[in-house]
Structure formats: C-alpha cells, structure tokens
Amino acid sequence: VQEVVEMILRHARNQIAWKGEIMGIREMRKHAAWYTSGYKNSAKLRGRINEVESYQELEELFRKVLQKPEL
C-alpha cells in the first residue's frame, strides 16, 4: 500500500506540474481510482478521492489511509 500511495502522490505532483493544480487534481482523481481498484474498501476511498480539490488534501487523505488502511 505504501508503494501505491507514493506512486499516486508522485503522479499527482507530475500532473500538477504539467497541467496546474486545478486540472491536475481533477484528472488525478480518475487515475487514483485506477490505482486503488481491487483494494479493500476501495469504493469508499474512491468516493473520498473524488472530493479532493488540492494536492494537500490528497496527501492528507493518503496519510490517513496509511495510518488506518481500512478507510
């Protein structure tokens, strides 16, 4: 899970660098959903990812996931 989270955050930083924070995060929501597919409670997590509007929010969400993987 740690590696997937690191990859998602790295991908998000690259998206933001390429397209700006608003568009980068919007597009990252879709990609993050793909990354998390198949994990326990991933539907609930995808719902929370779709509410994220900034890199900081995304990072905080995944920090919580690493602390409490059943989110």
PDB file of N, CA and C in Angstrom:
ATOM      1  N   VAL A   1       0.834  -1.187   0.000  1.00  0.00           N
ATOM      2  CA  VAL A   1       0.000   0.000   0.000  1.00  0.00           C
ATOM      3  C   VAL A   1       0.876   1.248   0.000  1.00  0.00           C
ATOM      4  N   GLN A   2       1.964   1.203   0.760  1.00  0.00           N
ATOM      5  CA  GLN A   2       2.886   2.350   0.831  1.00  0.00           C
ATOM      6  C   GLN A   2       3.407   2.723  -0.558  1.00  0.00           C
ATOM      7  N   GLU A   3       3.799   1.724  -1.332  1.00  0.00           N
ATOM      8  CA  GLU A   3       4.331   1.993  -2.674  1.00  0.00           C
ATOM      9  C   GLU A   3       3.269   2.594  -3.583  1.00  0.00           C
ATOM     10  N   VAL A   4       2.050   2.111  -3.484  1.00  0.00           N
ATOM     11  CA  VAL A   4       0.956   2.635  -4.311  1.00  0.00           C
ATOM     12  C   VAL A   4       0.684   4.093  -3.943  1.00  0.00           C
ATOM     13  N   VAL A   5       0.660   4.395  -2.651  1.00  0.00           N
ATOM     14  CA  VAL A   5       0.431   5.774  -2.204  1.00  0.00           C
ATOM     15  C   VAL A   5       1.539   6.682  -2.717  1.00  0.00           C
ATOM     16  N   GLU A   6       2.777   6.249  -2.587  1.00  0.00           N
ATOM     17  CA  GLU A   6       3.903   7.055  -3.093  1.00  0.00           C
ATOM     18  C   GLU A   6       3.779   7.298  -4.591  1.00  0.00           C
ATOM     19  N   MET A   7       3.361   6.268  -5.328  1.00  0.00           N
ATOM     20  CA  MET A   7       3.203   6.406  -6.773  1.00  0.00           C
ATOM     21  C   MET A   7       2.068   7.386  -7.114  1.00  0.00           C
ATOM     22  N   ILE A   8       0.962   7.280  -6.392  1.00  0.00           N
ATOM     23  CA  ILE A   8      -0.164   8.193  -6.622  1.00  0.00           C
ATOM     24  C   ILE A   8       0.262   9.629  -6.375  1.00  0.00           C
ATOM     25  N   LEU A   9       0.955   9.874  -5.265  1.00  0.00           N
ATOM     26  CA  LEU A   9       1.374  11.238  -4.942  1.00  0.00           C
ATOM     27  C   LEU A   9       2.399  11.762  -5.943  1.00  0.00           C
ATOM     28  N   ARG A  10       3.310  10.908  -6.389  1.00  0.00           N
ATOM     29  CA  ARG A  10       4.284  11.324  -7.409  1.00  0.00           C
ATOM     30  C   ARG A  10       3.566  11.653  -8.718  1.00  0.00           C
ATOM     31  N   HIS A  11       2.615  10.810  -9.095  1.00  0.00           N
ATOM     32  CA  HIS A  11       1.825  11.041 -10.307  1.00  0.00           C
ATOM     33  C   HIS A  11       1.059  12.360 -10.177  1.00  0.00           C
ATOM     34  N   ALA A  12       0.484  12.610  -9.006  1.00  0.00           N
ATOM     35  CA  ALA A  12      -0.264  13.853  -8.782  1.00  0.00           C
ATOM     36  C   ALA A  12       0.657  15.070  -8.923  1.00  0.00           C
ATOM     37  N   ARG A  13       1.840  14.999  -8.357  1.00  0.00           N
ATOM     38  CA  ARG A  13       2.789  16.126  -8.480  1.00  0.00           C
ATOM     39  C   ARG A  13       3.136  16.370  -9.944  1.00  0.00           C
ATOM     40  N   ASN A  14       3.326  15.299 -10.706  1.00  0.00           N
ATOM     41  CA  ASN A  14       3.630  15.448 -12.126  1.00  0.00           C
ATOM     42  C   ASN A  14       2.450  16.038 -12.895  1.00  0.00           C
ATOM     43  N   GLN A  15       1.241  15.583 -12.585  1.00  0.00           N
ATOM     44  CA  GLN A  15       0.037  16.131 -13.224  1.00  0.00           C
ATOM     45  C   GLN A  15      -0.077  17.633 -12.954  1.00  0.00           C
ATOM     46  N   ILE A  16       0.160  18.016 -11.711  1.00  0.00           N
ATOM     47  CA  ILE A  16       0.065  19.425 -11.324  1.00  0.00           C
ATOM     48  C   ILE A  16       1.129  20.246 -12.026  1.00  0.00           C
ATOM     49  N   ALA A  17       2.342  19.720 -12.108  1.00  0.00           N
ATOM     50  CA  ALA A  17       3.424  20.429 -12.794  1.00  0.00           C
ATOM     51  C   ALA A  17       3.089  20.624 -14.270  1.00  0.00           C
ATOM     52  N   TRP A  18       2.429  19.650 -14.863  1.00  0.00           N
ATOM     53  CA  TRP A  18       2.117  19.688 -16.284  1.00  0.00           C
ATOM     54  C   TRP A  18       0.869  20.519 -16.592  1.00  0.00           C
ATOM     55  N   LYS A  19      -0.189  20.394 -15.768  1.00  0.00           N
ATOM     56  CA  LYS A  19      -1.480  20.997 -16.100  1.00  0.00           C
ATOM     57  C   LYS A  19      -1.987  22.019 -15.098  1.00  0.00           C
ATOM     58  N   GLY A  20      -1.240  22.276 -14.029  1.00  0.00           N
ATOM     59  CA  GLY A  20      -1.706  23.178 -12.986  1.00  0.00           C
ATOM     60  C   GLY A  20      -2.506  22.399 -11.952  1.00  0.00           C
ATOM     61  N   GLU A  21      -2.684  23.007 -10.785  1.00  0.00           N
ATOM     62  CA  GLU A  21      -3.302  22.253  -9.690  1.00  0.00           C
ATOM     63  C   GLU A  21      -4.757  21.890  -9.960  1.00  0.00           C
ATOM     64  N   ILE A  22      -5.538  22.794 -10.485  1.00  0.00           N
ATOM     65  CA  ILE A  22      -6.968  22.503 -10.678  1.00  0.00           C
ATOM     66  C   ILE A  22      -7.163  21.343 -11.649  1.00  0.00           C
ATOM     67  N   MET A  23      -6.619  21.463 -12.840  1.00  0.00           N
ATOM     68  CA  MET A  23      -6.795  20.389 -13.838  1.00  0.00           C
ATOM     69  C   MET A  23      -6.015  19.143 -13.456  1.00  0.00           C
ATOM     70  N   GLY A  24      -4.838  19.320 -12.883  1.00  0.00           N
ATOM     71  CA  GLY A  24      -4.034  18.171 -12.483  1.00  0.00           C
ATOM     72  C   GLY A  24      -4.742  17.311 -11.456  1.00  0.00           C
ATOM     73  N   ILE A  25      -5.344  17.950 -10.461  1.00  0.00           N
ATOM     74  CA  ILE A  25      -6.065  17.197  -9.428  1.00  0.00           C
ATOM     75  C   ILE A  25      -7.333  16.576  -9.996  1.00  0.00           C
ATOM     76  N   ARG A  26      -8.045  17.292 -10.824  1.00  0.00           N
ATOM     77  CA  ARG A  26      -9.259  16.729 -11.434  1.00  0.00           C
ATOM     78  C   ARG A  26      -8.934  15.462 -12.218  1.00  0.00           C
ATOM     79  N   GLU A  27      -7.888  15.509 -13.004  1.00  0.00           N
ATOM     80  CA  GLU A  27      -7.506  14.329 -13.776  1.00  0.00           C
ATOM     81  C   GLU A  27      -6.937  13.243 -12.873  1.00  0.00           C
ATOM     82  N   MET A  28      -6.281  13.638 -11.809  1.00  0.00           N
ATOM     83  CA  MET A  28      -5.680  12.677 -10.899  1.00  0.00           C
ATOM     84  C   MET A  28      -6.728  11.855 -10.177  1.00  0.00           C
ATOM     85  N   ARG A  29      -7.906  12.400  -9.967  1.00  0.00           N
ATOM     86  CA  ARG A  29      -8.986  11.650  -9.323  1.00  0.00           C
ATOM     87  C   ARG A  29      -9.250  10.350 -10.078  1.00  0.00           C
ATOM     88  N   LYS A  30      -9.292  10.445 -11.388  1.00  0.00           N
ATOM     89  CA  LYS A  30      -9.535   9.271 -12.234  1.00  0.00           C
ATOM     90  C   LYS A  30      -8.387   8.272 -12.105  1.00  0.00           C
ATOM     91  N   HIS A  31      -7.178   8.778 -12.164  1.00  0.00           N
ATOM     92  CA  HIS A  31      -6.015   7.899 -12.073  1.00  0.00           C
ATOM     93  C   HIS A  31      -5.919   7.245 -10.700  1.00  0.00           C
ATOM     94  N   ALA A  32      -6.187   8.003  -9.658  1.00  0.00           N
ATOM     95  CA  ALA A  32      -6.130   7.457  -8.295  1.00  0.00           C
ATOM     96  C   ALA A  32      -7.154   6.343  -8.132  1.00  0.00           C
ATOM     97  N   ALA A  33      -8.289   6.488  -8.763  1.00  0.00           N
ATOM     98  CA  ALA A  33      -9.309   5.433  -8.711  1.00  0.00           C
ATOM     99  C   ALA A  33      -8.767   4.153  -9.344  1.00  0.00           C
ATOM    100  N   TRP A  34      -8.042   4.275 -10.435  1.00  0.00           N
ATOM    101  CA  TRP A  34      -7.446   3.100 -11.071  1.00  0.00           C
ATOM    102  C   TRP A  34      -6.398   2.459 -10.170  1.00  0.00           C
ATOM    103  N   TYR A  35      -5.574   3.297  -9.558  1.00  0.00           N
ATOM    104  CA  TYR A  35      -4.526   2.780  -8.673  1.00  0.00           C
ATOM    105  C   TYR A  35      -5.111   1.999  -7.495  1.00  0.00           C
ATOM    106  N   THR A  36      -6.252   2.408  -6.992  1.00  0.00           N
ATOM    107  CA  THR A  36      -6.812   1.804  -5.782  1.00  0.00           C
ATOM    108  C   THR A  36      -7.790   0.676  -6.068  1.00  0.00           C
ATOM    109  N   SER A  37      -8.113   0.458  -7.305  1.00  0.00           N
ATOM    110  CA  SER A  37      -9.057  -0.593  -7.664  1.00  0.00           C
ATOM    111  C   SER A  37      -8.593  -1.947  -7.139  1.00  0.00           C
ATOM    112  N   GLY A  38      -9.507  -2.676  -6.531  1.00  0.00           N
ATOM    113  CA  GLY A  38      -9.209  -4.010  -6.047  1.00  0.00           C
ATOM    114  C   GLY A  38      -8.787  -4.089  -4.597  1.00  0.00           C
ATOM    115  N   TYR A  39      -8.491  -2.943  -3.979  1.00  0.00           N
ATOM    116  CA  TYR A  39      -8.122  -2.948  -2.570  1.00  0.00           C
ATOM    117  C   TYR A  39      -9.372  -2.962  -1.699  1.00  0.00           C
ATOM    118  N   LYS A  40      -9.215  -3.449  -0.472  1.00  0.00           N
ATOM    119  CA  LYS A  40     -10.310  -3.489   0.492  1.00  0.00           C
ATOM    120  C   LYS A  40     -10.850  -2.076   0.712  1.00  0.00           C
ATOM    121  N   ASN A  41     -12.165  -1.930   0.675  1.00  0.00           N
ATOM    122  CA  ASN A  41     -12.858  -0.651   0.871  1.00  0.00           C
ATOM    123  C   ASN A  41     -12.486   0.404  -0.177  1.00  0.00           C
ATOM    124  N   SER A  42     -12.065  -0.030  -1.356  1.00  0.00           N
ATOM    125  CA  SER A  42     -11.619   0.925  -2.370  1.00  0.00           C
ATOM    126  C   SER A  42     -12.761   1.793  -2.897  1.00  0.00           C
ATOM    127  N   ALA A  43     -13.980   1.306  -2.905  1.00  0.00           N
ATOM    128  CA  ALA A  43     -15.104   2.131  -3.375  1.00  0.00           C
ATOM    129  C   ALA A  43     -15.293   3.332  -2.451  1.00  0.00           C
ATOM    130  N   LYS A  44     -15.212   3.102  -1.166  1.00  0.00           N
ATOM    131  CA  LYS A  44     -15.331   4.196  -0.193  1.00  0.00           C
ATOM    132  C   LYS A  44     -14.179   5.186  -0.376  1.00  0.00           C
ATOM    133  N   LEU A  45     -12.971   4.664  -0.574  1.00  0.00           N
ATOM    134  CA  LEU A  45     -11.803   5.518  -0.779  1.00  0.00           C
ATOM    135  C   LEU A  45     -11.954   6.339  -2.049  1.00  0.00           C
ATOM    136  N   ARG A  46     -12.436   5.726  -3.125  1.00  0.00           N
ATOM    137  CA  ARG A  46     -12.633   6.467  -4.381  1.00  0.00           C
ATOM    138  C   ARG A  46     -13.626   7.603  -4.191  1.00  0.00           C
ATOM    139  N   GLY A  47     -14.646   7.377  -3.394  1.00  0.00           N
ATOM    140  CA  GLY A  47     -15.594   8.451  -3.092  1.00  0.00           C
ATOM    141  C   GLY A  47     -14.918   9.618  -2.411  1.00  0.00           C
ATOM    142  N   ARG A  48     -14.015   9.312  -1.513  1.00  0.00           N
ATOM    143  CA  ARG A  48     -13.286  10.369  -0.811  1.00  0.00           C
ATOM    144  C   ARG A  48     -12.282  11.052  -1.734  1.00  0.00           C
ATOM    145  N   ILE A  49     -11.661  10.293  -2.618  1.00  0.00           N
ATOM    146  CA  ILE A  49     -10.716  10.875  -3.579  1.00  0.00           C
ATOM    147  C   ILE A  49     -11.447  11.877  -4.478  1.00  0.00           C
ATOM    148  N   ASN A  50     -12.671  11.564  -4.863  1.00  0.00           N
ATOM    149  CA  ASN A  50     -13.432  12.446  -5.744  1.00  0.00           C
ATOM    150  C   ASN A  50     -13.815  13.765  -5.088  1.00  0.00           C
ATOM    151  N   GLU A  51     -13.658  13.876  -3.780  1.00  0.00           N
ATOM    152  CA  GLU A  51     -13.940  15.118  -3.071  1.00  0.00           C
ATOM    153  C   GLU A  51     -12.699  16.002  -2.933  1.00  0.00           C
ATOM    154  N   VAL A  52     -11.542  15.467  -3.255  1.00  0.00           N
ATOM    155  CA  VAL A  52     -10.277  16.184  -3.105  1.00  0.00           C
ATOM    156  C   VAL A  52     -10.179  17.304  -4.137  1.00  0.00           C
ATOM    157  N   GLU A  53      -9.734  18.478  -3.693  1.00  0.00           N
ATOM    158  CA  GLU A  53      -9.602  19.607  -4.608  1.00  0.00           C
ATOM    159  C   GLU A  53      -8.199  20.193  -4.664  1.00  0.00           C
ATOM    160  N   SER A  54      -7.258  19.630  -3.879  1.00  0.00           N
ATOM    161  CA  SER A  54      -5.886  20.135  -3.901  1.00  0.00           C
ATOM    162  C   SER A  54      -4.924  18.996  -3.601  1.00  0.00           C
ATOM    163  N   TYR A  55      -3.665  19.233  -3.926  1.00  0.00           N
ATOM    164  CA  TYR A  55      -2.646  18.221  -3.634  1.00  0.00           C
ATOM    165  C   TYR A  55      -2.561  17.988  -2.132  1.00  0.00           C
ATOM    166  N   GLN A  56      -2.653  19.046  -1.355  1.00  0.00           N
ATOM    167  CA  GLN A  56      -2.575  18.932   0.100  1.00  0.00           C
ATOM    168  C   GLN A  56      -3.676  18.013   0.634  1.00  0.00           C
ATOM    169  N   GLU A  57      -4.889  18.165   0.132  1.00  0.00           N
ATOM    170  CA  GLU A  57      -5.995  17.303   0.560  1.00  0.00           C
ATOM    171  C   GLU A  57      -5.737  15.845   0.166  1.00  0.00           C
ATOM    172  N   LEU A  58      -5.204  15.640  -1.029  1.00  0.00           N
ATOM    173  CA  LEU A  58      -4.892  14.290  -1.493  1.00  0.00           C
ATOM    174  C   LEU A  58      -3.828  13.654  -0.600  1.00  0.00           C
ATOM    175  N   GLU A  59      -2.810  14.415  -0.292  1.00  0.00           N
ATOM    176  CA  GLU A  59      -1.731  13.921   0.553  1.00  0.00           C
ATOM    177  C   GLU A  59      -2.250  13.585   1.962  1.00  0.00           C
ATOM    178  N   GLU A  60      -3.085  14.439   2.511  1.00  0.00           N
ATOM    179  CA  GLU A  60      -3.662  14.192   3.830  1.00  0.00           C
ATOM    180  C   GLU A  60      -4.528  12.936   3.827  1.00  0.00           C
ATOM    181  N   LEU A  61      -5.327  12.769   2.790  1.00  0.00           N
ATOM    182  CA  LEU A  61      -6.178  11.591   2.681  1.00  0.00           C
ATOM    183  C   LEU A  61      -5.333  10.321   2.683  1.00  0.00           C
ATOM    184  N   PHE A  62      -4.278  10.300   1.897  1.00  0.00           N
ATOM    185  CA  PHE A  62      -3.456   9.098   1.823  1.00  0.00           C
ATOM    186  C   PHE A  62      -2.592   8.907   3.064  1.00  0.00           C
ATOM    187  N   ARG A  63      -2.271   9.967   3.762  1.00  0.00           N
ATOM    188  CA  ARG A  63      -1.581   9.825   5.039  1.00  0.00           C
ATOM    189  C   ARG A  63      -2.496   9.080   6.014  1.00  0.00           C
ATOM    190  N   LYS A  64      -3.784   9.428   6.007  1.00  0.00           N
ATOM    191  CA  LYS A  64      -4.762   8.743   6.853  1.00  0.00           C
ATOM    192  C   LYS A  64      -4.915   7.283   6.429  1.00  0.00           C
ATOM    193  N   VAL A  65      -4.892   7.033   5.134  1.00  0.00           N
ATOM    194  CA  VAL A  65      -5.010   5.666   4.626  1.00  0.00           C
ATOM    195  C   VAL A  65      -3.848   4.817   5.139  1.00  0.00           C
ATOM    196  N   LEU A  66      -2.656   5.387   5.142  1.00  0.00           N
ATOM    197  CA  LEU A  66      -1.501   4.630   5.613  1.00  0.00           C
ATOM    198  C   LEU A  66      -1.565   4.360   7.113  1.00  0.00           C
ATOM    199  N   GLN A  67      -2.181   5.273   7.848  1.00  0.00           N
ATOM    200  CA  GLN A  67      -2.315   5.088   9.297  1.00  0.00           C
ATOM    201  C   GLN A  67      -3.428   4.114   9.633  1.00  0.00           C
ATOM    202  N   LYS A  68      -4.465   4.114   8.809  1.00  0.00           N
ATOM    203  CA  LYS A  68      -5.653   3.296   9.076  1.00  0.00           C
ATOM    204  C   LYS A  68      -6.126   2.700   7.747  1.00  0.00           C
ATOM    205  N   PRO A  69      -5.486   1.651   7.256  1.00  0.00           N
ATOM    206  CA  PRO A  69      -5.735   1.117   5.909  1.00  0.00           C
ATOM    207  C   PRO A  69      -7.169   0.700   5.625  1.00  0.00           C
ATOM    208  N   GLU A  70      -8.008   0.530   6.638  1.00  0.00           N
ATOM    209  CA  GLU A  70      -9.382   0.094   6.374  1.00  0.00           C
ATOM    210  C   GLU A  70     -10.310   1.224   5.939  1.00  0.00           C
ATOM    211  N   LEU A  71      -9.796   2.443   5.733  1.00  0.00           N
ATOM    212  CA  LEU A  71     -10.637   3.570   5.287  1.00  0.00           C
ATOM    213  C   LEU A  71     -11.313   3.266   3.974  1.00  0.00           C
TER     214      LEU A  71
END
